[in-house]
Amino acid sequence: MVVGAPDDPARIRRCLDQLQGESRPFIVRAYERFSDRENPSRWPARQPEDYEQYAENGRLLDLVLLFQSRRGDVEGYLKFAAEVVTRHAARIYSVQVTEEASFADGPEVIDGGYPNVLNALVEGVKAVKTALRKIGQSQVLVGFNATPTFGPASSFWSRIGKLGGPDFLSSLDYAGLDFFPDVFRRLAPDGEPGDVERSARMVLETMRNEWMPAAATDLRSFFSPLKT
């Protein structure tokens, strides 16, 4: 992880104002990290620090709830998730439950390698949506993200479908994709097969038409085929 200077909230606000312009709403991403009390994560529990202060002037939060419990404490995570979204509901545009739970071999700064992470994902989506509905904030989008899941990793989708069932799908508003062209492998020059446009098209179409429908047999009726 890169370590830099402490946050300067005044400068951050000025930058956000400049980026935002007249856009309403304007979404600011923030992170809350769940880990074991007896063995806490070495990374900050909240990033950026005091992120609530940036949800002003038409700005709302895209809040990520990380699951980084070394003992796989799903029950504790569900309580944590419900409390966080209830506390910040008026400031939230969307909630992402877990971070890259599909990436089982990734670094410990993301969630995929922690025990019971798939249970945390499916039960977390349901718990967060239930908590938001109870307080009249059902318009807040609830979902999760994944990395490209080629080969054996593609079983991630069928596994969460089996774990979650209809209640999971009825609580789910979106599935996001973390995709970094030209980071982990070189891409072809623009205009050639394998360039950034064709690579992005291929991954998005595969996710929409193959991976996501694998989460449930009825998901194809929920997502129309993606043609880019």
Foldseek 3Di string as FASTA:
>chain_A
DDDDDQDDVVVVLVVCCVVCPPDAQAEDEKEAEDEDPVDDDPDDRIPPPPCVVNLDPRYAYAYEYAYQYQVQPLVVSLVVLLVVCLVRVVRHQEYAQFAALLCCPDDSVGHVVHPPSLVSQQVNLLSNCVSCVVVPRNNRAYAHEHEQQPDPSLCSQQVSLVSRPPSSVVSHDDYHYDYDACPPDHADPPPDPRHPVNVVQVSVQCCQPPSNCSSDVCVCVVGPRDDD
